[in-house]
Amino acid sequence: MSQHPSSRPAGALTADTEILVALRAAGSGGVSGAELAQRLRVTRAAVWARIQELRQLGYDIAANPHDGYRLVSAPDLLLADDIASRLGPVRVVGRDLRVFRETTSTSDIVERLAQANVPEGVVVFAEAQTRGRGRLGRHWHSPAGKGLWFSVLLRPRLRPAEATRLTIATATALARGIQAQAGLTVAIKWPNDLLLRGRKVAGILTELSAELDRIKYLIVGVGVDVNVGAQEFSPDLRRHATSLAAEAGRPLDRAELAVAVLRALDHDYQRVTDGRFDEIADEWAARCTTLGQPVAITVGERRIRGRAEALDTDGALLVRTEHGHLERVIGGDIRLEK
């Protein structure tokens, strides 16, 4: 498990974040070393040292006596300081960012942070996962530098039965973030898959620790295939999976996509905690390919057949069974029936 040197726990902005914020705000005009030194309350020599560090990470930063420093381009890396400089202020999600080069699963790290009583809102990214996991114990393919593999720690004041609301909210946030950055209209398959042309492009895994009447903490794990090439999927996945780059016909800026998704998730988390889940449910229903369809759902040893009708107020799926009963389903392996 290795961590990028720019990982940014909660608190005051780091010097690198401040510099990147200033460079992006200046655009093509540039910002002087003196201005950066004053902003950071350090010497110009210290600013120069930080600029050199950023260059070593892959940032192309031009410098001349007249215009000062100017950001020409950023590397295709997920760096906490860079994401923070683009993200700006958030209410909860993303106020603490941590990025690892490689780990088993980002949810493993968040689990340890949760048990150490770290406040909610921490987001852990990894450039690669060796044991990324999906639902029902499945492995999630997480190649280095090709996607967004991250987990979020939340401590909502909700009952355990309401945890599905957070899966629904994450799906709508992902869909909006992807549409904003890639220009692609994403469909949602209950309970946790995002699809493009019927192929899976992202998945969500929600895990929680709870007492009888309250959630202690909840971990939302997300995997998005961003710039994965078709040949990088295993043969058995190629028929069912795709990537944003494959569908958009161009590679995407992963850091920009991360920012768009975190902003949307922060907004939707606020809507859930403010008691406005019905707004999210309506948006989810408009994107969902499952509602109105005949389905077969495997829940443990049970198999439920019927027509998916709606979400209830907790985010569970309401299925009209073949016997005419309305059954509430909070999870399971779903297949659309023909």
Protein backbone atom coordinates (compact mmCIF):
# COMPACT_ATOMS: atom_id res chain seq x y z
CA MET A 1 0.00 0.00 0.00
CA SER A 2 1.66 3.23 -1.12
CA GLN A 3 0.39 6.75 -0.73
CA HIS A 4 0.98 9.77 -2.97
CA PRO A 5 3.04 12.46 -1.20
CA SER A 6 0.29 14.99 -1.85
CA SER A 7 -2.47 13.23 0.08
CA ARG A 8 -4.42 15.91 1.90
CA PRO A 9 -6.17 15.15 5.20
CA ALA A 10 -8.75 17.61 6.48
CA GLY A 11 -7.62 21.03 7.68
CA ALA A 12 -6.00 24.08 6.13
CA LEU A 13 -5.12 23.92 2.43
CA THR A 14 -1.58 22.74 1.73
CA ALA A 15 0.94 24.97 -0.05
CA ASP A 16 0.62 22.88 -3.23
CA THR A 17 -3.17 23.19 -3.18
CA GLU A 18 -2.94 26.97 -2.68
CA ILE A 19 -0.50 27.27 -5.59
CA LEU A 20 -2.67 25.18 -7.92
CA VAL A 21 -5.79 27.15 -6.92
CA ALA A 22 -3.98 30.42 -7.72
CA LEU A 23 -2.59 29.14 -11.03
CA ARG A 24 -5.98 27.91 -12.19
CA ALA A 25 -7.67 31.15 -11.16
CA ALA A 26 -5.07 33.15 -13.10
CA GLY A 27 -5.64 31.16 -16.29
CA SER A 28 -3.43 32.30 -19.16
CA GLY A 29 -2.48 35.48 -17.30
CA GLY A 30 -0.16 33.86 -14.79
CA VAL A 31 0.55 34.77 -11.18
CA SER A 32 3.74 36.30 -9.80
CA GLY A 33 6.08 34.63 -7.35
CA ALA A 34 5.69 37.61 -5.03
CA GLU A 35 1.91 37.20 -5.00
CA LEU A 36 2.20 33.48 -4.26
CA ALA A 37 4.72 34.15 -1.50
CA GLN A 38 2.39 36.69 0.10
CA ARG A 39 -0.57 34.35 -0.21
CA LEU A 40 1.32 31.45 1.39
CA ARG A 41 3.26 33.62 3.85
CA VAL A 42 6.55 32.12 2.76
CA THR A 43 9.61 33.32 0.84
CA ARG A 44 9.78 33.42 -2.95
CA ALA A 45 12.50 30.78 -2.70
CA ALA A 46 10.04 28.50 -0.89
CA VAL A 47 7.49 29.10 -3.66
CA TRP A 48 10.11 28.18 -6.25
CA ALA A 49 10.87 24.96 -4.36
CA ARG A 50 7.17 23.99 -4.36
CA ILE A 51 6.90 24.80 -8.09
CA GLN A 52 9.85 22.49 -8.72
CA GLU A 53 8.17 19.72 -6.73
CA LEU A 54 4.99 20.13 -8.78
CA ARG A 55 7.02 19.97 -11.99
CA GLN A 56 8.59 16.71 -10.84
CA LEU A 57 5.08 15.32 -10.39
CA GLY A 58 4.35 16.14 -14.04
CA TYR A 59 2.82 19.64 -13.94
CA ASP A 60 3.93 21.82 -16.85
CA ILE A 61 4.35 25.24 -15.20
CA ALA A 62 5.82 28.01 -17.32
CA ALA A 63 7.69 30.90 -15.71
CA ASN A 64 8.90 34.25 -17.00
CA PRO A 65 9.79 37.60 -15.36
CA HIS A 66 6.77 39.45 -16.79
CA ASP A 67 3.84 37.05 -16.29
CA GLY A 68 5.14 34.99 -13.38
CA TYR A 69 4.00 31.36 -13.19
CA ARG A 70 1.41 29.86 -15.54
CA LEU A 71 -0.11 26.37 -15.49
CA VAL A 72 0.19 24.89 -18.97
CA SER A 73 -0.99 21.33 -18.26
CA ALA A 74 -1.51 18.82 -15.45
CA PRO A 75 -0.47 15.15 -15.42
CA ASP A 76 -2.90 12.28 -15.73
CA LEU A 77 -2.59 11.47 -12.05
CA LEU A 78 -4.96 11.56 -9.13
CA LEU A 79 -3.30 13.81 -6.55
CA ALA A 80 -5.10 15.03 -3.45
CA ASP A 81 -3.75 18.58 -3.74
CA ASP A 82 -4.81 18.79 -7.37
CA ILE A 83 -8.32 17.45 -6.72
CA ALA A 84 -8.70 19.81 -3.75
CA SER A 85 -7.60 22.80 -5.84
CA ARG A 86 -10.31 22.04 -8.41
CA LEU A 87 -13.00 20.97 -5.95
CA GLY A 88 -13.25 24.08 -3.79
CA PRO A 89 -15.38 24.15 -0.62
CA VAL A 90 -17.73 21.24 0.09
CA ARG A 91 -20.18 20.57 2.88
CA VAL A 92 -19.16 16.99 3.73
CA VAL A 93 -18.00 14.74 0.89
CA GLY A 94 -14.40 15.47 -0.08
CA ARG A 95 -13.32 17.68 2.78
CA ASP A 96 -10.65 15.07 3.55
CA LEU A 97 -8.91 13.54 0.50
CA ARG A 98 -6.40 10.70 0.48
CA VAL A 99 -4.85 9.14 -2.61
CA PHE A 100 -2.90 5.88 -2.82
CA ARG A 101 -0.86 4.57 -5.72
CA GLU A 102 -1.99 1.03 -4.97
CA THR A 103 -3.99 -0.72 -2.28
CA THR A 104 -6.06 -3.85 -1.83
CA SER A 105 -9.37 -1.97 -1.79
CA THR A 106 -10.11 1.64 -0.95
CA SER A 107 -12.97 0.39 1.22
CA ASP A 108 -10.46 -1.52 3.36
CA ILE A 109 -8.69 1.76 4.16
CA VAL A 110 -11.95 3.58 4.85
CA GLU A 111 -13.01 0.77 7.17
CA ARG A 112 -9.89 1.33 9.27
CA LEU A 113 -10.47 5.10 9.25
CA ALA A 114 -14.08 4.58 10.34
CA GLN A 115 -13.02 2.39 13.24
CA ALA A 116 -10.49 5.08 14.25
CA ASN A 117 -13.41 7.56 14.50
CA VAL A 118 -12.31 9.73 11.57
CA PRO A 119 -15.12 12.22 10.77
CA GLU A 120 -17.40 11.58 7.82
CA GLY A 121 -16.56 12.99 4.43
CA VAL A 122 -13.15 11.38 3.94
CA VAL A 123 -12.66 10.10 0.38
CA VAL A 124 -9.95 7.55 -0.40
CA PHE A 125 -8.83 7.12 -4.02
CA ALA A 126 -6.40 4.55 -5.41
CA GLU A 127 -4.70 4.55 -8.80
CA ALA A 128 -4.93 0.75 -8.68
CA GLN A 129 -6.60 -1.89 -6.50
CA THR A 130 -5.30 -5.43 -6.19
CA ARG A 131 -8.50 -6.73 -4.59
CA GLY A 132 -11.20 -4.30 -5.61
CA ARG A 133 -14.56 -5.77 -4.80
CA GLY A 134 -18.07 -5.57 -6.14
CA ARG A 135 -21.35 -6.92 -4.86
CA LEU A 136 -21.81 -10.55 -3.83
CA GLY A 137 -18.06 -11.03 -3.35
CA ARG A 138 -17.21 -10.39 -6.98
CA HIS A 139 -13.82 -9.00 -8.01
CA TRP A 140 -13.70 -5.50 -9.55
CA HIS A 141 -11.01 -5.09 -12.23
CA SER A 142 -9.10 -1.90 -11.29
CA PRO A 143 -6.16 -1.26 -13.68
CA ALA A 144 -3.67 1.44 -12.74
CA GLY A 145 -4.39 4.94 -13.99
CA LYS A 146 -7.47 3.92 -15.97
CA GLY A 147 -10.43 4.66 -13.74
CA LEU A 148 -11.85 6.18 -10.61
CA TRP A 149 -11.61 3.69 -7.76
CA PHE A 150 -12.66 5.34 -4.51
CA SER A 151 -14.60 4.97 -1.25
CA VAL A 152 -16.38 7.50 0.94
CA LEU A 153 -16.98 7.42 4.69
CA LEU A 154 -20.41 8.68 5.79
CA ARG A 155 -22.07 8.82 9.21
CA PRO A 156 -25.70 9.63 8.36
CA ARG A 157 -28.39 9.89 11.01
CA LEU A 158 -30.48 7.20 9.38
CA ARG A 159 -31.95 3.86 10.33
CA PRO A 160 -30.21 0.79 8.86
CA ALA A 161 -33.29 0.19 6.68
CA GLU A 162 -32.67 3.57 5.05
CA ALA A 163 -29.08 2.80 3.96
CA THR A 164 -30.23 2.04 0.41
CA ARG A 165 -30.98 5.76 0.05
CA LEU A 166 -27.23 6.36 -0.06
CA THR A 167 -26.74 3.82 -2.85
CA ILE A 168 -29.51 5.54 -4.82
CA ALA A 169 -28.03 8.99 -4.14
CA THR A 170 -24.58 7.82 -5.25
CA ALA A 171 -26.00 6.46 -8.49
CA THR A 172 -27.71 9.75 -9.37
CA ALA A 173 -24.59 11.74 -8.46
CA LEU A 174 -22.39 9.52 -10.62
CA ALA A 175 -24.80 9.80 -13.52
CA ARG A 176 -24.81 13.62 -13.34
CA GLY A 177 -21.04 13.85 -12.95
CA ILE A 178 -20.46 11.58 -15.93
CA GLN A 179 -22.97 13.46 -18.06
CA ALA A 180 -21.34 16.79 -17.19
CA GLN A 181 -17.81 15.66 -18.06
CA ALA A 182 -18.30 13.07 -20.79
CA GLY A 183 -21.57 14.25 -22.36
CA LEU A 184 -22.98 10.73 -21.98
CA THR A 185 -26.46 9.89 -20.73
CA VAL A 186 -26.09 7.10 -18.19
CA ALA A 187 -28.82 4.62 -17.35
CA ILE A 188 -29.16 3.07 -13.89
CA LYS A 189 -29.85 -0.60 -13.24
CA TRP A 190 -31.14 -1.28 -9.73
CA PRO A 191 -29.54 -1.45 -7.29
CA ASN A 192 -26.01 -0.35 -8.08
CA ASP A 193 -24.96 -0.49 -11.75
CA LEU A 194 -24.55 2.36 -14.24
CA LEU A 195 -24.92 1.44 -17.90
CA LEU A 196 -24.08 2.87 -21.32
CA ARG A 197 -25.74 1.14 -24.27
CA GLY A 198 -26.62 -1.71 -21.92
CA ARG A 199 -23.03 -2.26 -20.78
CA LYS A 200 -21.76 -1.65 -17.28
CA VAL A 201 -19.49 1.38 -16.89
CA ALA A 202 -19.64 1.91 -13.11
CA GLY A 203 -20.69 0.11 -9.96
CA ILE A 204 -21.43 0.93 -6.34
CA LEU A 205 -20.90 -1.18 -3.24
CA THR A 206 -22.44 0.07 0.02
CA GLU A 207 -21.30 -1.48 3.31
CA LEU A 208 -22.39 -0.44 6.77
CA SER A 209 -21.84 -0.94 10.46
CA ALA A 210 -25.05 -0.48 12.39
CA GLU A 211 -26.84 -0.99 15.65
CA LEU A 212 -30.49 -1.99 15.83
CA ASP A 213 -31.88 1.50 15.27
CA ARG A 214 -29.01 3.56 13.83
CA ILE A 215 -26.18 3.47 11.32
CA LYS A 216 -22.78 3.85 13.00
CA TYR A 217 -21.00 4.44 9.70
CA LEU A 218 -21.47 3.63 6.06
CA ILE A 219 -18.86 3.08 3.35
CA VAL A 220 -19.76 3.78 -0.27
CA GLY A 221 -17.32 2.15 -2.69
CA VAL A 222 -17.34 3.30 -6.31
CA GLY A 223 -15.64 2.00 -9.43
CA VAL A 224 -15.82 3.85 -12.75
CA ASP A 225 -14.15 2.53 -15.91
CA VAL A 226 -12.88 5.82 -17.35
CA ASN A 227 -10.03 5.27 -19.83
CA VAL A 228 -9.98 1.47 -19.92
CA GLY A 229 -9.36 0.15 -23.44
CA ALA A 230 -11.59 -2.59 -24.82
CA GLN A 231 -8.67 -5.05 -24.91
CA GLU A 232 -7.90 -4.37 -21.24
CA PHE A 233 -11.14 -6.05 -20.18
CA SER A 234 -10.94 -9.80 -19.72
CA PRO A 235 -12.68 -11.79 -22.48
CA ASP A 236 -15.63 -12.64 -20.22
CA LEU A 237 -16.15 -8.94 -19.38
CA ARG A 238 -15.99 -7.49 -22.89
CA ARG A 239 -19.59 -8.39 -23.74
CA HIS A 240 -20.93 -6.76 -20.57
CA ALA A 241 -18.54 -3.87 -19.73
CA THR A 242 -17.42 -0.65 -21.35
CA SER A 243 -15.59 2.56 -20.45
CA LEU A 244 -16.36 6.25 -20.70
CA ALA A 245 -13.50 6.77 -23.16
CA ALA A 246 -14.78 3.98 -25.42
CA GLU A 247 -18.28 5.47 -25.47
CA ALA A 248 -17.20 9.13 -25.75
CA GLY A 249 -14.53 8.42 -28.35
CA ARG A 250 -11.87 10.30 -26.39
CA PRO A 251 -9.89 9.98 -23.16
CA LEU A 252 -11.26 11.87 -20.17
CA ASP A 253 -9.54 13.93 -17.48
CA ARG A 254 -9.96 11.67 -14.46
CA ALA A 255 -9.32 14.44 -11.92
CA GLU A 256 -12.01 16.65 -13.51
CA LEU A 257 -14.43 13.73 -13.46
CA ALA A 258 -13.58 13.05 -9.81
CA VAL A 259 -14.36 16.67 -8.96
CA ALA A 260 -17.68 16.61 -10.81
CA VAL A 261 -18.72 13.38 -9.08
CA LEU A 262 -17.68 14.54 -5.59
CA ARG A 263 -19.58 17.82 -5.98
CA ALA A 264 -22.69 15.95 -7.11
CA LEU A 265 -22.37 13.40 -4.30
CA ASP A 266 -21.87 16.12 -1.69
CA HIS A 267 -25.02 17.82 -2.99
CA ASP A 268 -27.08 14.61 -3.00
CA TYR A 269 -25.85 13.59 0.45
CA GLN A 270 -27.12 16.92 1.72
CA ARG A 271 -30.47 16.27 0.05
CA VAL A 272 -30.70 12.89 1.81
CA THR A 273 -29.78 14.26 5.24
CA ASP A 274 -32.12 17.24 4.76
CA GLY A 275 -35.08 14.90 4.20
CA ARG A 276 -35.34 15.46 0.44
CA PHE A 277 -34.79 11.89 -0.73
CA ASP A 278 -37.97 12.08 -2.81
CA GLU A 279 -36.18 14.50 -5.19
CA ILE A 280 -33.37 11.99 -5.69
CA ALA A 281 -35.82 9.10 -6.10
CA ASP A 282 -37.61 10.96 -8.91
CA GLU A 283 -34.30 11.62 -10.69
CA TRP A 284 -33.24 8.01 -10.20
CA ALA A 285 -36.54 6.70 -11.55
CA ALA A 286 -36.17 8.81 -14.70
CA ARG A 287 -32.81 7.14 -15.41
CA CYS A 288 -33.66 3.63 -14.25
CA THR A 289 -33.90 0.80 -16.79
CA THR A 290 -35.35 -1.60 -14.21
CA LEU A 291 -38.70 0.04 -13.39
CA GLY A 292 -41.62 -1.27 -15.37
CA GLN A 293 -39.68 -4.37 -16.44
CA PRO A 294 -40.27 -8.05 -15.65
CA VAL A 295 -37.43 -9.13 -13.36
CA ALA A 296 -36.02 -12.15 -11.57
CA ILE A 297 -34.17 -11.34 -8.34
CA THR A 298 -32.07 -13.83 -6.40
CA VAL A 299 -31.87 -13.03 -2.69
CA GLY A 300 -29.86 -15.73 -0.96
CA GLU A 301 -31.74 -18.97 -1.61
CA ARG A 302 -34.93 -17.16 -2.68
CA ARG A 303 -35.90 -16.24 -6.22
CA ILE A 304 -38.45 -13.45 -6.72
CA ARG A 305 -40.17 -13.02 -10.08
CA GLY A 306 -42.41 -10.13 -11.00
CA ARG A 307 -42.52 -6.59 -12.34
CA ALA A 308 -40.38 -3.82 -10.83
CA GLU A 309 -42.83 -1.01 -10.03
CA ALA A 310 -41.17 1.73 -7.94
CA LEU A 311 -38.84 2.73 -5.12
CA ASP A 312 -40.25 3.07 -1.63
CA THR A 313 -39.33 5.87 0.77
CA ASP A 314 -36.27 3.96 2.02
CA GLY A 315 -34.92 3.30 -1.48
CA ALA A 316 -35.98 -0.36 -1.64
CA LEU A 317 -37.37 -1.79 -4.87
CA LEU A 318 -41.09 -2.62 -4.91
CA VAL A 319 -41.80 -5.69 -7.03
CA ARG A 320 -45.28 -6.89 -8.00
CA THR A 321 -44.77 -10.64 -7.90
CA GLU A 322 -46.23 -13.15 -10.30
CA HIS A 323 -48.76 -13.94 -7.57
CA GLY A 324 -49.92 -10.32 -7.38
CA HIS A 325 -48.22 -9.43 -4.08
CA LEU A 326 -46.16 -6.24 -3.71
CA GLU A 327 -42.78 -7.27 -2.30
CA ARG A 328 -40.12 -4.94 -0.89
CA VAL A 329 -36.56 -5.87 -1.98
CA ILE A 330 -33.50 -4.14 -0.53
CA GLY A 331 -30.83 -6.09 -2.41
CA GLY A 332 -30.11 -9.07 -4.57
CA ASP A 333 -28.84 -10.25 -7.94
CA ILE A 334 -31.26 -8.96 -10.57
CA ARG A 335 -31.89 -10.09 -14.15
CA LEU A 336 -34.34 -8.59 -16.60
CA GLU A 337 -36.74 -11.21 -17.91
CA LYS A 338 -37.75 -11.31 -21.55
